[in-house]
Amino acid sequence: MIEPYAPAPPGAQPGAPPGAPPPWRGPARLSVRPDTGRLLVLVCVFVCAACGLVYELELVALASYLMGDSVTQASVVLSVMVFAMGLGSLVAKRLRRFAAAGFGVLEATLALVGGCSAMALYAAFAWTGDRGGLWADGSRILLVAFSLAIGLLIGAEAPLLMELIQRIRRQDAGGAVADLFAADYVGALVGGLAFPFLLLPFLGQLTSSLLVGAVNVVAGAALVLGLFRRDLTCRARCLLLVANIAVLGVLASAAVLVDDFERAARQAVYGGDMRVAVQTGVQEIVLTGGADGRPLDLYLDGRLRFAGRDERRYHEALVQPAMSGPHAHVLILGGGDGLAAREALGRPGVRRVDVVAPDPGLVRLARTDPALAGLNGHAFGDPRVRVAAEDAFQWLRGAPLATYDVVVADLPDPGITASTKLYSQEFYGLARRVLAPGGRLVVHAGPLTSRPRVFWTVEATLRAAGLHTAPYRVDGRGTGRGTGRSGGRGGGPDRIAGDASRAPRDWGFVLAGADARPPMRLDAHARPPRTLTQAALTADARAAEANRVAGVPASTLVHPRY
C-alpha cells in the first residue's frame, strides 16, 4: 500500500522523522549539568518577571501622580501593555533560531527602556506639559509609547525562554509551560510587593526604576553570556558584552544625576520660587513663594491645593456660612494646612477644633514653616486644636456620635480616585452621625461652572445620606503670578502644576443640615469676613440653584459617579 504524502513541517530537514525538532533546537552546549541549567533559566525568569512588573507599576504610579485619575491611567497602561505582550510573543517566534543572542539583546533593550521610562515621563511633563496644544499631551503620548514598547519586550521573553529551557532538556510542552509560568508568576508577586513596600518609599520612583533596569540587564547578561555562551560566536559575545556594559553605564550615570535632574524638573514645574520640597510617607509637599512679598502656594503630589493670592476667599467661603449658628465644637476633615482651622478659630465661642488629616508631615510643616504657619495664624499652636493623623473615613467610623456643631470637609476634589470614597453616600452617612442636633456639614464640591454634573452629584449624595442641602458657589477671582494660572483650587481633580487649562472659574460648596436645610447667612454678630458679604452669598446661592442639574444619582462606594 502506498503511504499518503505529508509535507514536512517548516524548518525540518528533508527525510527527518515526523515531529523531529528543527535543526537549531539541538541540545545546548552547557558547562553545567542540565538540572542546574534549567534551574538557572527559571531563576532568570523569576528575576525578569519581577522587573517587568515593577516597570508596569512605575508607569501606573507616575502617570497617576502626573496626570491624575489613577483608574484611567492604570487602565491605559495595563491594557496597552497586555496587548503589546501578545504582539511581542508573535514577533519572538521569528527569533527562536537565535534564542540565546535574541534574549540577550532583548533584556538589554528592556533594561534601558524600562529603567529610563520614569525619568523620560517626568521630563516630558516638566518641560513640555504647560505649552498647550500637542505639547500638553506629550506626557500622555509618551506614556502610551513606553507601555507599548515595554509590553512588546516583555511579551517576547516567554517564547525565547521556552526555547532555551527546551534546549537544555526536552520536556513535554505542558510541563515546560507550567515550570516557566510558575517562576514568572512568583517573580511578579515579588516585584509587585517590592515596589510599594521597598522601592518606592526608600528609593523613590526615578531611582527605583534605574535600579530595576540594572538588575534586569545583569540577569539577562549572566544567563546568556554565562550559561549559553558556547551558543554564540566570539564576535556575538563581544558585541553583547559591550552592549550590556553600555546600558549599565547609562543607568549608572542617570542614577548619579537623578537628584540634580529631579531638582531641575521641579524648578520647571513649580517655577523659580520653589522653597520647600518634602516627600512624606503619604505624599510630596511643595511650597513656592512665601518670601519677599511673594504669595505662598502649596502643592500636594503636584496638584495645587491653595494659592496665597486667593486662599482666604476660598476658606472663608468654605467655613464662614457653616459657622452661623452653634459652633462650640468643630470637626475639620482634611485641612492639614491649618487654613480652615484658622477660619474656625477666628470666631468667638469656639471651644474645640478637631482636625483629622492623613499626613502628619503636612501638619508638621504647617506648624514649623514660618510662611505657612504665619498664613494659618499658628492654628496648630492653639490649645483648642486637636490633630488626629488618620484617614477621615476610618476615623468617622469610630467617632463619638452627636458631638460636633460644625463639620468642615476640606478634602481633595472628588475627581481624584483616592478621594472618591470621601464623597460617597456612606461617608456622608458617617459624617451625619457625628453632627449634634442642629449641626451643619459643609463640603467643597468642585467647580460648578466647568463640572456641573460632579457638583450636583455631590449634592445628590448628601441628600441620599439624609442631609438637607443648600448649595452655593463663589467666583475664583485670583490669578497666579502673571502666568494666567488660577490661584484657586483646581477643578476636577485638583489642578496639576503647570496645567493652566484646568484652572477653575469658581468654587462650588454644599452646606447641609442634619435636621433641616440650614440658612445661607453670615453671622451678623461676628466680625465680617474680608472677602464675603451677605448680599454676595445670597446671590451666589441663587446662581447655583439656577444651574441645577436634575436627576443625577448618588455616588456610593461600590458605584462611584465622579
Protein backbone atom coordinates (compact mmCIF):
# COMPACT_ATOMS: atom_id res chain seq x y z
CA MET A 1 0.00 0.00 0.00
CA ILE A 2 1.32 3.46 -0.90
CA GLU A 3 1.57 5.82 2.05
CA PRO A 4 -0.05 9.26 1.54
CA TYR A 5 2.34 12.19 1.19
CA ALA A 6 2.63 14.51 4.18
CA PRO A 7 4.72 17.70 3.83
CA ALA A 8 7.48 18.18 6.33
CA PRO A 9 6.93 20.84 8.96
CA PRO A 10 8.63 24.22 8.40
CA GLY A 11 12.30 24.06 9.28
CA ALA A 12 12.52 20.27 9.35
CA GLN A 13 15.33 18.60 7.46
CA PRO A 14 14.35 16.52 4.41
CA GLY A 15 13.96 12.90 5.40
CA ALA A 16 13.71 13.72 9.12
CA PRO A 17 11.07 11.73 11.01
CA PRO A 18 7.76 13.50 11.73
CA GLY A 19 7.83 15.61 14.90
CA ALA A 20 11.61 15.99 14.87
CA PRO A 21 12.76 19.38 16.19
CA PRO A 22 14.20 21.97 13.82
CA PRO A 23 17.98 21.80 13.42
CA TRP A 24 18.63 24.82 15.66
CA ARG A 25 16.93 23.05 18.58
CA GLY A 26 19.67 20.61 19.30
CA PRO A 27 20.98 20.23 22.85
CA ALA A 28 22.62 23.34 24.24
CA ARG A 29 26.34 23.11 24.94
CA LEU A 30 26.41 23.86 28.65
CA SER A 31 29.19 23.95 31.20
CA VAL A 32 26.85 22.75 33.96
CA ARG A 33 24.53 19.80 34.47
CA PRO A 34 21.13 20.04 32.71
CA ASP A 35 19.21 20.22 36.01
CA THR A 36 21.40 23.11 37.15
CA GLY A 37 20.96 24.80 33.79
CA ARG A 38 17.16 24.55 33.99
CA LEU A 39 17.24 25.99 37.49
CA LEU A 40 19.34 28.95 36.32
CA VAL A 41 16.90 29.64 33.47
CA LEU A 42 13.96 29.57 35.90
CA VAL A 43 15.81 31.94 38.25
CA CYS A 44 16.29 34.31 35.33
CA VAL A 45 12.57 34.01 34.51
CA PHE A 46 11.81 34.90 38.14
CA VAL A 47 14.05 38.00 38.10
CA CYS A 48 12.85 39.23 34.71
CA ALA A 49 9.21 38.82 35.73
CA ALA A 50 9.80 40.85 38.90
CA CYS A 51 11.50 43.59 36.88
CA GLY A 52 8.75 43.62 34.28
CA LEU A 53 6.00 44.10 36.85
CA VAL A 54 7.94 46.90 38.53
CA TYR A 55 8.13 48.69 35.16
CA GLU A 56 4.34 48.40 34.84
CA LEU A 57 3.72 49.69 38.36
CA GLU A 58 6.21 52.53 37.86
CA LEU A 59 4.31 53.71 34.80
CA VAL A 60 0.95 53.49 36.56
CA ALA A 61 2.19 55.30 39.68
CA LEU A 62 3.99 58.08 37.83
CA ALA A 63 1.14 58.60 35.37
CA SER A 64 -1.35 58.85 38.26
CA TYR A 65 0.92 61.32 40.04
CA LEU A 66 1.47 63.50 36.98
CA MET A 67 -1.91 63.26 35.24
CA GLY A 68 -4.39 62.31 37.96
CA ASP A 69 -7.24 59.77 37.82
CA SER A 70 -5.39 56.60 38.78
CA VAL A 71 -8.13 54.31 37.43
CA THR A 72 -7.80 55.76 33.93
CA GLN A 73 -4.01 55.71 33.96
CA ALA A 74 -3.88 52.12 35.25
CA SER A 75 -6.38 51.03 32.62
CA VAL A 76 -4.40 52.68 29.81
CA VAL A 77 -1.04 51.29 30.92
CA LEU A 78 -2.19 47.74 31.64
CA SER A 79 -4.45 47.33 28.59
CA VAL A 80 -1.84 48.69 26.18
CA MET A 81 0.89 46.62 27.81
CA VAL A 82 -1.07 43.35 27.71
CA PHE A 83 -1.96 43.97 24.07
CA ALA A 84 1.70 44.66 23.27
CA MET A 85 2.77 41.50 25.10
CA GLY A 86 0.68 39.47 22.68
CA LEU A 87 2.32 41.19 19.74
CA GLY A 88 5.75 40.62 21.27
CA SER A 89 5.10 36.89 21.60
CA LEU A 90 4.22 36.69 17.91
CA VAL A 91 7.29 38.65 16.86
CA ALA A 92 9.56 36.47 19.01
CA LYS A 93 8.59 33.37 17.03
CA ARG A 94 10.96 34.55 14.30
CA LEU A 95 13.83 34.88 16.77
CA ARG A 96 13.76 31.32 18.13
CA ARG A 97 16.57 30.27 15.79
CA PHE A 98 18.80 32.75 17.65
CA ALA A 99 17.20 32.34 21.08
CA ALA A 100 20.30 32.98 23.21
CA ALA A 101 21.54 36.04 21.34
CA GLY A 102 17.99 37.34 20.88
CA PHE A 103 17.24 37.06 24.59
CA GLY A 104 20.46 38.89 25.49
CA VAL A 105 19.64 41.79 23.16
CA LEU A 106 16.04 41.78 24.36
CA GLU A 107 16.94 42.12 28.04
CA ALA A 108 19.48 44.87 27.40
CA THR A 109 16.87 46.83 25.46
CA LEU A 110 14.17 46.24 28.06
CA ALA A 111 16.50 47.34 30.87
CA LEU A 112 17.34 50.56 29.03
CA VAL A 113 13.74 51.39 28.06
CA GLY A 114 12.15 50.35 31.36
CA GLY A 115 14.87 51.81 33.55
CA CYS A 116 14.76 55.22 31.86
CA SER A 117 10.96 55.36 31.39
CA ALA A 118 10.22 57.20 34.65
CA MET A 119 12.80 59.91 34.00
CA ALA A 120 11.62 60.37 30.43
CA LEU A 121 7.99 60.72 31.51
CA TYR A 122 8.85 63.18 34.25
CA ALA A 123 10.98 65.21 31.85
CA ALA A 124 8.18 65.35 29.27
CA PHE A 125 5.74 66.52 31.93
CA ALA A 126 8.11 69.07 33.46
CA TRP A 127 9.40 70.74 30.30
CA THR A 128 6.52 70.36 27.83
CA GLY A 129 3.40 69.98 29.96
CA ASP A 130 2.39 73.66 30.08
CA ARG A 131 2.88 74.71 26.45
CA GLY A 132 -0.58 73.84 25.21
CA GLY A 133 -1.57 72.07 22.01
CA LEU A 134 0.28 68.86 21.21
CA TRP A 135 2.89 69.56 23.86
CA ALA A 136 0.20 69.46 26.55
CA ASP A 137 -0.40 65.81 25.63
CA GLY A 138 3.29 64.94 25.29
CA SER A 139 3.48 63.02 28.56
CA ARG A 140 0.31 61.08 27.71
CA ILE A 141 1.66 60.12 24.29
CA LEU A 142 4.94 59.09 25.87
CA LEU A 143 3.07 57.02 28.46
CA VAL A 144 1.35 55.00 25.72
CA ALA A 145 4.63 54.68 23.78
CA PHE A 146 6.50 53.31 26.81
CA SER A 147 3.63 50.97 27.68
CA LEU A 148 3.67 49.65 24.13
CA ALA A 149 7.46 49.25 23.97
CA ILE A 150 7.82 47.60 27.37
CA GLY A 151 4.87 45.31 26.66
CA LEU A 152 6.41 44.21 23.35
CA LEU A 153 9.73 43.39 25.01
CA ILE A 154 8.16 41.55 27.96
CA GLY A 155 5.92 39.55 25.62
CA ALA A 156 8.92 38.47 23.55
CA GLU A 157 10.65 36.97 26.60
CA ALA A 158 8.45 33.89 27.03
CA PRO A 159 8.96 32.24 23.59
CA LEU A 160 12.72 32.75 23.78
CA LEU A 161 12.96 31.44 27.33
CA MET A 162 10.81 28.43 26.38
CA GLU A 163 13.21 27.73 23.51
CA LEU A 164 16.22 27.96 25.81
CA ILE A 165 14.78 25.75 28.53
CA GLN A 166 13.77 23.10 25.97
CA ARG A 167 17.27 23.08 24.52
CA ILE A 168 18.71 22.16 27.90
CA ARG A 169 16.50 19.11 28.22
CA ARG A 170 13.47 18.13 26.17
CA GLN A 171 10.25 18.17 28.16
CA ASP A 172 6.59 17.83 27.27
CA ALA A 173 5.07 21.19 26.38
CA GLY A 174 2.64 21.22 29.30
CA GLY A 175 5.35 20.59 31.88
CA ALA A 176 7.67 23.21 30.39
CA VAL A 177 4.92 25.83 30.32
CA ALA A 178 3.98 25.04 33.93
CA ASP A 179 7.57 25.46 35.14
CA LEU A 180 8.07 28.67 33.18
CA PHE A 181 4.80 30.25 34.28
CA ALA A 182 5.31 29.26 37.92
CA ALA A 183 8.65 31.09 38.03
CA ASP A 184 7.12 34.01 36.11
CA TYR A 185 4.15 34.44 38.45
CA VAL A 186 6.20 34.11 41.63
CA GLY A 187 8.61 36.73 40.28
CA ALA A 188 5.67 39.02 39.50
CA LEU A 189 4.47 38.60 43.10
CA VAL A 190 7.86 39.60 44.48
CA GLY A 191 8.12 42.59 42.14
CA GLY A 192 4.59 43.69 42.93
CA LEU A 193 5.24 43.65 46.67
CA ALA A 194 8.73 45.14 46.47
CA PHE A 195 7.57 48.22 44.57
CA PRO A 196 5.18 49.76 47.15
CA PHE A 197 6.87 48.48 50.30
CA LEU A 198 10.59 48.76 49.49
CA LEU A 199 11.47 50.54 46.25
CA LEU A 200 9.03 53.46 46.31
CA PRO A 201 9.37 54.52 49.97
CA PHE A 202 13.16 54.08 50.19
CA LEU A 203 14.38 54.97 46.70
CA GLY A 204 11.60 56.94 45.03
CA GLN A 205 10.18 56.43 41.57
CA LEU A 206 13.18 57.53 39.50
CA THR A 207 15.98 55.74 41.35
CA SER A 208 13.98 52.54 41.78
CA SER A 209 13.31 52.26 38.03
CA LEU A 210 17.01 52.73 37.30
CA LEU A 211 17.99 50.11 39.87
CA VAL A 212 15.49 47.61 38.49
CA GLY A 213 16.85 48.23 35.00
CA ALA A 214 20.35 47.42 36.24
CA VAL A 215 19.14 44.17 37.84
CA ASN A 216 17.34 43.30 34.61
CA VAL A 217 20.38 43.76 32.38
CA VAL A 218 22.67 41.84 34.75
CA ALA A 219 20.24 38.89 34.91
CA GLY A 220 19.92 38.70 31.13
CA ALA A 221 23.65 39.04 30.52
CA ALA A 222 24.50 36.45 33.18
CA LEU A 223 22.18 33.87 31.63
CA VAL A 224 23.29 34.34 28.03
CA LEU A 225 26.99 35.09 28.50
CA GLY A 226 27.35 32.59 31.32
CA LEU A 227 25.12 29.61 30.63
CA PHE A 228 24.67 29.82 26.83
CA ARG A 229 27.97 31.46 25.85
CA ARG A 230 29.00 28.43 23.74
CA ASP A 231 25.95 29.02 21.52
CA LEU A 232 27.34 32.41 20.49
CA THR A 233 30.21 33.25 18.26
CA CYS A 234 33.14 35.16 19.71
CA ARG A 235 32.03 38.30 17.90
CA ALA A 236 28.46 37.96 19.20
CA ARG A 237 29.71 37.54 22.77
CA CYS A 238 31.88 40.66 22.49
CA LEU A 239 29.09 42.76 21.00
CA LEU A 240 26.61 41.61 23.61
CA LEU A 241 29.08 42.28 26.44
CA VAL A 242 29.76 45.81 25.14
CA ALA A 243 26.02 46.48 24.76
CA ASN A 244 25.28 45.37 28.33
CA ILE A 245 28.15 47.41 29.74
CA ALA A 246 26.88 50.44 27.81
CA VAL A 247 23.36 50.01 29.20
CA LEU A 248 24.73 49.66 32.72
CA GLY A 249 26.80 52.80 32.16
CA VAL A 250 23.74 54.78 31.04
CA LEU A 251 21.69 53.60 34.03
CA ALA A 252 24.53 54.28 36.48
CA SER A 253 25.11 57.77 35.06
CA ALA A 254 21.40 58.54 35.31
CA ALA A 255 21.38 57.32 38.93
CA VAL A 256 24.28 59.64 39.78
CA LEU A 257 22.49 62.60 38.19
CA VAL A 258 18.98 61.76 39.36
CA ASP A 259 18.95 64.24 42.26
CA ASP A 260 20.09 67.13 40.03
CA PHE A 261 17.58 66.07 37.39
CA GLU A 262 14.75 65.98 39.92
CA ARG A 263 15.63 69.44 41.25
CA ALA A 264 15.72 70.86 37.72
CA ALA A 265 12.42 69.19 36.82
CA ARG A 266 10.78 70.56 39.96
CA GLN A 267 12.02 74.03 39.10
CA ALA A 268 10.48 73.64 35.64
CA VAL A 269 7.16 72.51 37.11
CA TYR A 270 6.83 74.86 40.06
CA GLY A 271 8.86 77.84 38.92
CA GLY A 272 11.94 79.50 40.26
CA ASP A 273 10.42 80.40 43.64
CA MET A 274 10.10 76.81 44.88
CA ARG A 275 11.17 76.98 48.52
CA VAL A 276 10.32 73.64 50.15
CA ALA A 277 10.06 70.15 48.67
CA VAL A 278 9.39 67.33 51.13
CA GLN A 279 8.49 63.69 50.47
CA THR A 280 6.50 62.35 53.40
CA GLY A 281 5.27 58.82 53.77
CA VAL A 282 1.96 59.92 52.24
CA GLN A 283 2.72 62.45 49.52
CA GLU A 284 5.11 65.04 48.10
CA ILE A 285 4.68 68.51 49.56
CA VAL A 286 5.98 71.57 47.72
CA LEU A 287 5.80 75.18 48.88
CA THR A 288 6.51 78.02 46.48
CA GLY A 289 6.78 81.69 47.36
CA GLY A 290 6.13 82.94 50.84
CA ALA A 291 9.18 85.22 50.92
CA ASP A 292 9.95 88.73 49.70
CA GLY A 293 6.26 89.52 49.41
CA ARG A 294 5.51 86.65 47.02
CA PRO A 295 2.27 84.73 47.69
CA LEU A 296 2.60 81.27 49.18
CA ASP A 297 1.33 78.32 47.13
CA LEU A 298 1.02 74.73 48.36
CA TYR A 299 1.18 71.69 46.06
CA LEU A 300 0.44 68.13 47.15
CA ASP A 301 1.62 65.42 44.76
CA GLY A 302 1.91 68.01 42.01
CA ARG A 303 -1.61 69.41 42.46
CA LEU A 304 -2.30 72.95 43.62
CA ARG A 305 -4.06 72.86 46.99
CA PHE A 306 -4.12 76.58 47.66
CA ALA A 307 -2.66 79.78 46.30
CA GLY A 308 -1.83 82.65 48.59
CA ARG A 309 -3.49 85.23 46.36
CA ASP A 310 -6.99 83.91 46.95
CA GLU A 311 -6.86 81.18 49.58
CA ARG A 312 -8.67 83.42 52.06
CA ARG A 313 -11.59 83.80 49.70
CA TYR A 314 -11.81 80.03 49.33
CA HIS A 315 -11.51 79.23 53.04
CA GLU A 316 -13.89 81.99 54.14
CA ALA A 317 -16.46 80.71 51.64
CA LEU A 318 -15.95 77.15 52.90
CA VAL A 319 -16.09 77.81 56.65
CA GLN A 320 -17.96 81.02 57.47
CA PRO A 321 -21.50 80.14 56.28
CA ALA A 322 -21.35 76.89 58.27
CA MET A 323 -20.35 78.79 61.44
CA SER A 324 -23.63 80.73 61.51
CA GLY A 325 -25.32 79.01 64.43
CA PRO A 326 -23.94 76.93 67.31
CA HIS A 327 -20.24 76.29 66.73
CA ALA A 328 -18.59 75.38 70.03
CA HIS A 329 -17.25 72.08 68.69
CA VAL A 330 -15.86 71.98 65.14
CA LEU A 331 -14.55 68.99 63.19
CA ILE A 332 -12.33 69.55 60.14
CA LEU A 333 -11.80 66.58 57.82
CA GLY A 334 -8.61 67.21 55.87
CA GLY A 335 -7.27 70.72 56.27
CA GLY A 336 -3.74 69.70 57.20
CA ASP A 337 -2.53 73.13 56.07
CA GLY A 338 -4.34 74.73 59.04
CA LEU A 339 -6.20 77.33 56.98
CA ALA A 340 -9.71 76.02 57.64
CA ALA A 341 -8.79 75.80 61.33
CA ARG A 342 -7.71 79.45 61.20
CA GLU A 343 -11.16 80.46 59.97
CA ALA A 344 -12.93 78.44 62.65
CA LEU A 345 -10.71 79.68 65.47
CA GLY A 346 -11.38 83.27 64.47
CA ARG A 347 -14.99 83.01 65.61
CA PRO A 348 -15.84 83.71 69.24
CA GLY A 349 -17.38 80.84 71.16
CA VAL A 350 -15.28 78.07 69.60
CA ARG A 351 -14.12 75.76 72.38
CA ARG A 352 -12.58 72.87 70.44
CA VAL A 353 -11.44 72.16 66.87
CA ASP A 354 -10.58 68.59 65.89
CA VAL A 355 -8.55 68.22 62.68
CA VAL A 356 -8.41 64.78 61.03
CA ALA A 357 -5.61 64.90 58.43
CA PRO A 358 -3.99 61.78 56.91
CA ASP A 359 -0.48 63.23 56.58
CA PRO A 360 1.31 64.21 59.80
CA GLY A 361 4.13 65.56 57.65
CA LEU A 362 1.87 68.30 56.27
CA VAL A 363 0.65 69.20 59.76
CA ARG A 364 4.26 69.34 60.96
CA LEU A 365 5.16 71.66 58.10
CA ALA A 366 2.11 73.84 58.85
CA ARG A 367 3.41 74.20 62.42
CA THR A 368 7.08 74.88 61.63
CA ASP A 369 7.35 76.62 58.25
CA PRO A 370 7.34 80.37 59.02
CA ALA A 371 5.37 81.37 55.94
CA LEU A 372 2.74 78.62 56.20
CA ALA A 373 2.42 78.95 59.98
CA GLY A 374 2.04 82.71 59.57
CA LEU A 375 -0.63 82.25 56.92
CA ASN A 376 -2.68 79.88 59.07
CA GLY A 377 -2.32 82.13 62.10
CA HIS A 378 -0.34 79.46 64.00
CA ALA A 379 -3.56 77.48 64.24
CA PHE A 380 -1.86 74.27 65.32
CA GLY A 381 -0.30 76.06 68.27
CA ASP A 382 -3.75 76.93 69.66
CA PRO A 383 -4.59 74.74 72.70
CA ARG A 384 -8.15 74.30 71.41
CA VAL A 385 -6.91 72.36 68.38
CA ARG A 386 -6.50 68.56 68.47
CA VAL A 387 -5.00 66.71 65.50
CA ALA A 388 -5.57 63.08 64.50
CA ALA A 389 -3.30 61.72 61.75
CA GLU A 390 -5.81 59.27 60.29
CA ASP A 391 -7.88 58.59 57.21
CA ALA A 392 -11.12 60.58 57.55
CA PHE A 393 -13.34 57.65 56.57
CA GLN A 394 -11.82 55.29 59.13
CA TRP A 395 -11.80 57.96 61.83
CA LEU A 396 -15.50 58.69 61.39
CA ARG A 397 -16.35 55.01 61.86
CA GLY A 398 -15.14 55.23 65.45
CA ALA A 399 -16.00 58.86 66.17
CA PRO A 400 -18.32 59.83 69.05
CA LEU A 401 -21.92 60.35 68.00
CA ALA A 402 -23.78 63.69 68.00
CA THR A 403 -20.69 65.63 69.10
CA TYR A 404 -19.94 68.39 66.59
CA ASP A 405 -21.86 71.55 65.80
CA VAL A 406 -19.94 72.07 62.55
CA VAL A 407 -18.17 69.58 60.28
CA VAL A 408 -15.95 71.02 57.53
CA ALA A 409 -14.93 68.64 54.72
CA ASP A 410 -11.81 70.36 53.34
CA LEU A 411 -10.84 67.44 51.11
CA PRO A 412 -9.25 66.88 47.69
CA ASP A 413 -11.55 67.04 44.70
CA PRO A 414 -13.84 64.03 44.10
CA GLY A 415 -12.30 63.55 40.65
CA ILE A 416 -9.16 62.16 42.28
CA THR A 417 -9.76 58.43 42.57
CA ALA A 418 -8.30 58.15 46.06
CA SER A 419 -10.78 60.79 47.28
CA THR A 420 -13.91 59.31 45.73
CA LYS A 421 -14.82 57.39 48.88
CA LEU A 422 -14.75 60.69 50.81
CA TYR A 423 -17.61 61.93 48.60
CA SER A 424 -19.74 58.80 48.88
CA GLN A 425 -23.16 58.28 50.47
CA GLU A 426 -21.56 56.03 53.07
CA PHE A 427 -19.06 58.73 54.07
CA TYR A 428 -21.75 61.38 54.44
CA GLY A 429 -23.82 58.94 56.47
CA LEU A 430 -20.92 58.59 58.89
CA ALA A 431 -20.49 62.39 59.00
CA ARG A 432 -24.19 62.84 59.73
CA ARG A 433 -23.90 60.59 62.79
CA VAL A 434 -21.33 62.88 64.45
CA LEU A 435 -23.43 66.04 63.97
CA ALA A 436 -25.10 67.37 67.07
CA PRO A 437 -28.79 68.38 66.83
CA GLY A 438 -28.93 71.42 64.57
CA GLY A 439 -25.39 70.75 63.33
CA ARG A 440 -24.12 71.67 59.85
CA LEU A 441 -21.80 69.97 57.38
CA VAL A 442 -20.10 71.89 54.58
CA VAL A 443 -18.38 70.26 51.60
CA HIS A 444 -16.16 71.56 48.83
CA ALA A 445 -17.81 70.05 45.74
CA GLY A 446 -15.58 71.23 42.89
CA PRO A 447 -16.15 73.95 40.29
CA LEU A 448 -19.81 74.44 39.39
CA THR A 449 -19.30 76.17 36.03
CA SER A 450 -16.89 73.71 34.41
CA ARG A 451 -18.10 70.49 36.05
CA PRO A 452 -21.76 70.92 36.96
CA ARG A 453 -22.60 67.23 36.94
CA VAL A 454 -19.90 66.42 39.50
CA PHE A 455 -21.10 69.28 41.71
CA TRP A 456 -24.73 68.17 41.65
CA THR A 457 -23.68 64.55 42.20
CA VAL A 458 -22.10 65.65 45.48
CA GLU A 459 -25.30 67.48 46.38
CA ALA A 460 -27.46 64.47 45.47
CA THR A 461 -25.19 62.18 47.51
CA LEU A 462 -25.58 64.39 50.58
CA ARG A 463 -29.37 64.28 50.19
CA ALA A 464 -29.26 60.49 49.80
CA ALA A 465 -27.43 60.33 53.16
CA GLY A 466 -30.41 62.06 54.83
CA LEU A 467 -28.99 65.60 54.92
CA HIS A 468 -30.81 68.79 53.91
CA THR A 469 -28.72 70.76 51.42
CA ALA A 470 -28.12 74.39 50.49
CA PRO A 471 -25.70 74.68 47.52
CA TYR A 472 -23.73 77.83 46.72
CA ARG A 473 -20.72 78.99 44.75
CA VAL A 474 -18.19 81.83 44.72
CA ASP A 475 -16.03 83.18 41.94
CA GLY A 476 -12.37 82.13 41.87
CA ARG A 477 -11.00 85.58 41.16
CA GLY A 478 -7.32 85.10 41.94
CA THR A 479 -4.66 84.58 39.31
CA GLY A 480 -1.19 83.20 39.68
CA ARG A 481 1.91 85.34 39.18
CA GLY A 482 1.39 86.56 35.67
CA THR A 483 1.12 83.13 34.07
CA GLY A 484 -2.60 83.02 33.56
CA ARG A 485 -2.94 80.34 36.19
CA SER A 486 -5.85 80.37 38.55
CA GLY A 487 -4.71 80.64 42.08
CA GLY A 488 -7.58 78.63 43.48
CA ARG A 489 -8.41 75.04 43.94
CA GLY A 490 -8.10 73.07 40.79
CA GLY A 491 -11.15 71.74 39.16
CA GLY A 492 -11.67 68.21 38.94
CA PRO A 493 -9.09 66.65 40.14
CA ASP A 494 -7.19 69.48 41.82
CA ARG A 495 -5.34 71.28 39.07
CA ILE A 496 -1.93 69.83 38.27
CA ALA A 497 1.04 72.18 38.49
CA GLY A 498 1.62 73.99 35.23
CA ASP A 499 -1.71 72.91 33.69
CA ALA A 500 -3.41 76.24 33.12
CA SER A 501 -6.19 74.64 31.08
CA ARG A 502 -7.67 73.13 34.25
CA ALA A 503 -7.88 76.34 36.26
CA PRO A 504 -11.35 76.78 37.82
CA ARG A 505 -13.61 79.75 37.24
CA ASP A 506 -15.40 79.26 40.53
CA TRP A 507 -15.61 77.11 43.63
CA GLY A 508 -18.72 75.17 44.49
CA PHE A 509 -19.84 74.28 48.01
CA VAL A 510 -22.76 72.48 49.61
CA LEU A 511 -23.94 73.39 53.09
CA ALA A 512 -26.06 70.67 54.69
CA GLY A 513 -28.03 70.31 57.91
CA ALA A 514 -28.81 67.22 59.91
CA ASP A 515 -32.35 68.28 60.84
CA ALA A 516 -33.35 70.96 58.33
CA ARG A 517 -31.95 72.99 55.48
CA PRO A 518 -29.53 75.49 57.04
CA PRO A 519 -29.98 79.18 56.22
CA MET A 520 -27.46 80.70 53.85
CA ARG A 521 -26.25 83.56 56.01
CA LEU A 522 -23.24 85.02 57.77
CA ASP A 523 -23.25 85.66 61.49
CA ALA A 524 -24.25 89.30 61.90
CA HIS A 525 -22.73 89.45 65.41
CA ALA A 526 -19.26 88.30 64.36
CA ARG A 527 -16.53 90.25 62.62
CA PRO A 528 -17.42 90.24 58.89
CA PRO A 529 -15.20 88.19 56.55
CA ARG A 530 -12.72 90.04 54.36
CA THR A 531 -13.95 88.62 51.04
CA LEU A 532 -17.63 87.73 51.57
CA THR A 533 -20.77 89.77 52.11
CA GLN A 534 -24.27 88.61 52.89
CA ALA A 535 -25.60 90.07 49.65
CA ALA A 536 -22.97 88.28 47.56
CA LEU A 537 -23.52 84.99 49.40
CA THR A 538 -27.28 85.16 48.81
CA ALA A 539 -26.73 85.93 45.13
CA ASP A 540 -24.22 83.08 44.83
CA ALA A 541 -26.72 80.63 46.32
CA ARG A 542 -29.38 81.75 43.84
CA ALA A 543 -26.91 81.42 40.96
CA ALA A 544 -26.10 77.87 42.00
CA GLU A 545 -29.76 76.87 42.18
CA ALA A 546 -30.39 78.41 38.77
CA ASN A 547 -27.89 75.97 37.26
CA ARG A 548 -29.19 72.83 38.98
CA VAL A 549 -28.76 69.57 37.08
CA ALA A 550 -31.72 67.36 37.93
CA GLY A 551 -31.85 63.59 38.07
CA VAL A 552 -28.22 62.82 38.91
CA PRO A 553 -27.79 59.67 41.02
CA ALA A 554 -25.93 59.49 44.32
CA SER A 555 -22.37 58.17 44.47
CA THR A 556 -21.60 55.13 46.63
CA LEU A 557 -18.51 53.13 47.49
CA VAL A 558 -19.34 50.37 45.05
CA HIS A 559 -20.71 52.66 42.35
CA PRO A 560 -18.71 55.92 42.26
CA ARG A 561 -20.24 58.54 39.96
CA TYR A 562 -17.43 61.10 39.70
